[in-house]
Amino acid sequence: MNVMKDYINLIQQLKERKDELGLTQAEIAEHMQTERVRVNELFSDRKTNMTVKTLLKLCNALKVKINLTETGSKKK
């Protein structure tokens, strides 16, 4: 399992969604009730300490939901 690779992939998908919607970081920050600089940090390729609550706020601002999928194989 490569957590950093998964994190970067998630951030890339969120960036693409932001672009699709034509939203600025300031608009997202307003929706999330946070500072624009914090949104900039969230979209950076550096791993941040994003909480689940923050991730959900970001997804809400981008009008997306997170769906969980099972990875790997089951051990019996």
N, C-alpha and C. Protein backbone atom coordinates (compact mmCIF):
# COMPACT_ATOMS: atom_id res chain seq x y z
N MET A 1 0.86 -1.17 0.00
CA MET A 1 0.00 0.00 0.00
C MET A 1 0.90 1.23 0.00
N ASN A 2 0.62 2.12 -0.93
CA ASN A 2 1.40 3.35 -1.03
C ASN A 2 0.50 4.53 -0.69
N VAL A 3 0.49 4.92 0.56
CA VAL A 3 -0.40 5.97 1.04
C VAL A 3 -0.12 7.30 0.36
N MET A 4 1.13 7.66 0.19
CA MET A 4 1.46 8.95 -0.42
C MET A 4 0.97 9.00 -1.87
N LYS A 5 1.13 7.91 -2.59
CA LYS A 5 0.66 7.84 -3.97
C LYS A 5 -0.87 8.02 -4.01
N ASP A 6 -1.57 7.35 -3.11
CA ASP A 6 -3.03 7.49 -3.03
C ASP A 6 -3.43 8.91 -2.67
N TYR A 7 -2.70 9.53 -1.76
CA TYR A 7 -2.98 10.91 -1.34
C TYR A 7 -2.83 11.86 -2.52
N ILE A 8 -1.73 11.74 -3.24
CA ILE A 8 -1.47 12.61 -4.40
C ILE A 8 -2.54 12.41 -5.46
N ASN A 9 -2.97 11.16 -5.67
CA ASN A 9 -4.03 10.87 -6.64
C ASN A 9 -5.34 11.53 -6.22
N LEU A 10 -5.67 11.46 -4.94
CA LEU A 10 -6.89 12.09 -4.43
C LEU A 10 -6.84 13.61 -4.64
N ILE A 11 -5.73 14.23 -4.29
CA ILE A 11 -5.58 15.67 -4.45
C ILE A 11 -5.69 16.06 -5.93
N GLN A 12 -5.11 15.26 -6.81
CA GLN A 12 -5.19 15.54 -8.24
C GLN A 12 -6.64 15.49 -8.72
N GLN A 13 -7.39 14.52 -8.26
CA GLN A 13 -8.80 14.41 -8.64
C GLN A 13 -9.60 15.61 -8.13
N LEU A 14 -9.30 16.05 -6.92
CA LEU A 14 -9.99 17.22 -6.36
C LEU A 14 -9.63 18.49 -7.12
N LYS A 15 -8.36 18.62 -7.53
CA LYS A 15 -7.94 19.76 -8.34
C LYS A 15 -8.69 19.79 -9.67
N GLU A 16 -8.80 18.62 -10.30
CA GLU A 16 -9.51 18.53 -11.58
C GLU A 16 -10.98 18.93 -11.41
N ARG A 17 -11.58 18.51 -10.31
CA ARG A 17 -12.97 18.87 -10.05
C ARG A 17 -13.11 20.38 -9.85
N LYS A 18 -12.17 20.97 -9.12
CA LYS A 18 -12.17 22.43 -8.90
C LYS A 18 -12.13 23.15 -10.25
N ASP A 19 -11.28 22.67 -11.14
CA ASP A 19 -11.16 23.27 -12.46
C ASP A 19 -12.44 23.08 -13.28
N GLU A 20 -13.03 21.88 -13.20
CA GLU A 20 -14.29 21.61 -13.92
C GLU A 20 -15.38 22.59 -13.51
N LEU A 21 -15.44 22.89 -12.23
CA LEU A 21 -16.46 23.80 -11.71
C LEU A 21 -16.08 25.26 -11.88
N GLY A 22 -14.82 25.52 -12.23
CA GLY A 22 -14.36 26.88 -12.41
C GLY A 22 -14.30 27.67 -11.11
N LEU A 23 -14.05 26.97 -10.01
CA LEU A 23 -14.00 27.61 -8.70
C LEU A 23 -12.59 28.10 -8.38
N THR A 24 -12.54 29.24 -7.72
CA THR A 24 -11.25 29.73 -7.22
C THR A 24 -11.02 29.19 -5.82
N GLN A 25 -9.79 29.26 -5.37
CA GLN A 25 -9.50 28.84 -3.99
C GLN A 25 -10.25 29.73 -3.00
N ALA A 26 -10.42 30.99 -3.33
CA ALA A 26 -11.15 31.91 -2.45
C ALA A 26 -12.61 31.50 -2.33
N GLU A 27 -13.21 31.08 -3.43
CA GLU A 27 -14.61 30.63 -3.39
C GLU A 27 -14.76 29.35 -2.57
N ILE A 28 -13.82 28.45 -2.74
CA ILE A 28 -13.85 27.21 -1.96
C ILE A 28 -13.66 27.53 -0.48
N ALA A 29 -12.72 28.40 -0.18
CA ALA A 29 -12.46 28.80 1.21
C ALA A 29 -13.72 29.40 1.84
N GLU A 30 -14.42 30.22 1.10
CA GLU A 30 -15.64 30.83 1.62
C GLU A 30 -16.68 29.75 1.94
N HIS A 31 -16.82 28.79 1.04
CA HIS A 31 -17.78 27.71 1.26
C HIS A 31 -17.39 26.85 2.47
N MET A 32 -16.08 26.66 2.64
CA MET A 32 -15.58 25.85 3.76
C MET A 32 -15.47 26.64 5.06
N GLN A 33 -15.66 27.95 4.97
CA GLN A 33 -15.50 28.86 6.11
C GLN A 33 -14.09 28.76 6.70
N THR A 34 -13.13 28.93 5.80
CA THR A 34 -11.72 28.90 6.18
C THR A 34 -10.98 29.95 5.36
N GLU A 35 -9.69 30.04 5.55
CA GLU A 35 -8.86 31.01 4.82
C GLU A 35 -8.41 30.42 3.48
N ARG A 36 -8.24 31.29 2.49
CA ARG A 36 -7.78 30.84 1.18
C ARG A 36 -6.43 30.15 1.25
N VAL A 37 -5.55 30.64 2.12
CA VAL A 37 -4.23 30.05 2.25
C VAL A 37 -4.33 28.58 2.71
N ARG A 38 -5.33 28.28 3.53
CA ARG A 38 -5.54 26.89 3.98
C ARG A 38 -5.96 26.02 2.81
N VAL A 39 -6.82 26.54 1.94
CA VAL A 39 -7.24 25.78 0.75
C VAL A 39 -6.04 25.54 -0.15
N ASN A 40 -5.18 26.55 -0.29
CA ASN A 40 -3.96 26.39 -1.06
C ASN A 40 -3.11 25.24 -0.51
N GLU A 41 -3.00 25.16 0.80
CA GLU A 41 -2.24 24.08 1.44
C GLU A 41 -2.87 22.73 1.14
N LEU A 42 -4.20 22.67 1.16
CA LEU A 42 -4.90 21.40 0.91
C LEU A 42 -4.67 20.89 -0.50
N PHE A 43 -4.52 21.81 -1.45
CA PHE A 43 -4.32 21.43 -2.85
C PHE A 43 -2.84 21.23 -3.20
N SER A 44 -1.96 21.38 -2.25
CA SER A 44 -0.54 21.20 -2.53
C SER A 44 -0.22 19.71 -2.59
N ASP A 45 0.86 19.37 -3.28
CA ASP A 45 1.27 17.97 -3.39
C ASP A 45 1.95 17.47 -2.11
N ARG A 46 2.22 18.39 -1.19
CA ARG A 46 2.80 17.98 0.08
C ARG A 46 1.70 17.38 0.94
N LYS A 47 2.02 16.34 1.66
CA LYS A 47 1.02 15.74 2.53
C LYS A 47 0.74 16.69 3.69
N THR A 48 -0.53 16.98 3.90
CA THR A 48 -0.92 17.83 5.01
C THR A 48 -1.67 16.99 6.03
N ASN A 49 -1.91 17.55 7.17
CA ASN A 49 -2.68 16.85 8.20
C ASN A 49 -4.16 17.18 8.02
N MET A 50 -4.70 16.77 6.88
CA MET A 50 -6.09 17.04 6.59
C MET A 50 -6.96 16.07 7.40
N THR A 51 -7.85 16.63 8.18
CA THR A 51 -8.75 15.78 8.96
C THR A 51 -9.87 15.28 8.04
N VAL A 52 -10.56 14.27 8.49
CA VAL A 52 -11.71 13.76 7.74
C VAL A 52 -12.75 14.87 7.62
N LYS A 53 -12.94 15.63 8.67
CA LYS A 53 -13.90 16.73 8.64
C LYS A 53 -13.53 17.74 7.56
N THR A 54 -12.27 18.09 7.46
CA THR A 54 -11.81 19.03 6.44
C THR A 54 -11.98 18.44 5.05
N LEU A 55 -11.65 17.18 4.90
CA LEU A 55 -11.83 16.51 3.60
C LEU A 55 -13.29 16.53 3.19
N LEU A 56 -14.19 16.26 4.12
CA LEU A 56 -15.62 16.28 3.81
C LEU A 56 -16.10 17.68 3.45
N LYS A 57 -15.58 18.71 4.14
CA LYS A 57 -15.93 20.09 3.79
C LYS A 57 -15.44 20.43 2.38
N LEU A 58 -14.24 19.98 2.06
CA LEU A 58 -13.69 20.23 0.73
C LEU A 58 -14.52 19.53 -0.33
N CYS A 59 -14.88 18.29 -0.08
CA CYS A 59 -15.71 17.54 -1.02
C CYS A 59 -17.08 18.19 -1.18
N ASN A 60 -17.63 18.67 -0.11
CA ASN A 60 -18.92 19.36 -0.16
C ASN A 60 -18.81 20.62 -1.02
N ALA A 61 -17.74 21.37 -0.84
CA ALA A 61 -17.53 22.59 -1.64
C ALA A 61 -17.40 22.26 -3.12
N LEU A 62 -16.83 21.08 -3.42
CA LEU A 62 -16.62 20.66 -4.80
C LEU A 62 -17.78 19.81 -5.34
N LYS A 63 -18.80 19.62 -4.51
CA LYS A 63 -20.00 18.87 -4.89
C LYS A 63 -19.68 17.45 -5.33
N VAL A 64 -18.85 16.77 -4.52
CA VAL A 64 -18.52 15.37 -4.75
C VAL A 64 -18.68 14.59 -3.45
N LYS A 65 -18.86 13.28 -3.58
CA LYS A 65 -18.93 12.40 -2.43
C LYS A 65 -17.77 11.42 -2.49
N ILE A 66 -17.38 10.95 -1.34
CA ILE A 66 -16.33 9.94 -1.26
C ILE A 66 -17.00 8.57 -1.19
N ASN A 67 -16.58 7.67 -2.04
CA ASN A 67 -17.07 6.30 -2.02
C ASN A 67 -15.91 5.37 -1.67
N LEU A 68 -16.15 4.50 -0.73
CA LEU A 68 -15.11 3.57 -0.31
C LEU A 68 -15.17 2.30 -1.16
N THR A 69 -14.01 1.82 -1.54
CA THR A 69 -13.92 0.55 -2.24
C THR A 69 -12.89 -0.32 -1.55
N GLU A 70 -13.13 -1.58 -1.56
CA GLU A 70 -12.21 -2.52 -0.94
C GLU A 70 -10.98 -2.68 -1.82
N THR A 71 -9.83 -2.74 -1.19
CA THR A 71 -8.59 -2.95 -1.95
C THR A 71 -7.95 -4.24 -1.48
N GLY A 72 -7.10 -4.79 -2.31
CA GLY A 72 -6.39 -6.00 -1.94
C GLY A 72 -7.30 -7.22 -1.96
N SER A 73 -6.76 -8.31 -1.47
CA SER A 73 -7.54 -9.54 -1.43
C SER A 73 -7.86 -9.90 0.00
N LYS A 74 -8.96 -10.61 0.17
CA LYS A 74 -9.38 -11.05 1.48
C LYS A 74 -8.56 -12.27 1.88
N LYS A 75 -8.16 -12.32 3.13
CA LYS A 75 -7.46 -13.49 3.66
C LYS A 75 -8.47 -14.36 4.36
N LYS A 76 -8.38 -15.64 4.12
CA LYS A 76 -9.31 -16.60 4.74
C LYS A 76 -8.65 -17.37 5.84
